């Protein structure tokens, strides 16, 4: 019979991300309203959970939290604030015939998201395996299991530009249909 896990052994699910401001959430909700009604299947992400993940850490031991905090704070301080906007809807995998994930893309013309992602990958390599796929800044809107065919034409996405001013360390609590994201720490950019 397995023994009870100690606090040190109990893993937590973490990620570092960027929150969306309320105005961007409103723009996104308006843009996908018709699609959400016409495609009710799947697990739609609640608007309160909309964010852009910069580095997913997964299930980790709590003992690495100080290293993660230190790395995120240092990286945030060394990177300037930047402006982004929501750009278009897309899917993983690409194409509309067997979509598993529907997402809203984010502009990264200046490379701010890419620099944050690369720096976190490098800084956390001793404790977290680096991401092997190319980084695509996005907000996950829905997951489909099994995959579904989405309409050939997705609605246009209209968004005002907004400033990315903080990196946020989140803990993900997997409960029910949608996880609960707990903000552990926020690190201002360029300070």
Foldseek 3Di string as FASTA:
>chain_A
DDDDDDLQPFWFWKFKWFDDDPQQLVLQCVQCVVVCVVDVDFQFAPSVPWTWTLGTQGTDGPVCVVLLVVQQQVLQQVAAKDKKKFFFWAFVVGDQAFGFWIKTFMDCPVVRSVSSSVSSQVSCVVPGHRDPDRDTTITTGGGHVRTHGGDRDRGGRDIDMDMGFWMWMWTWADDDSYTDIDTPDIHTHND
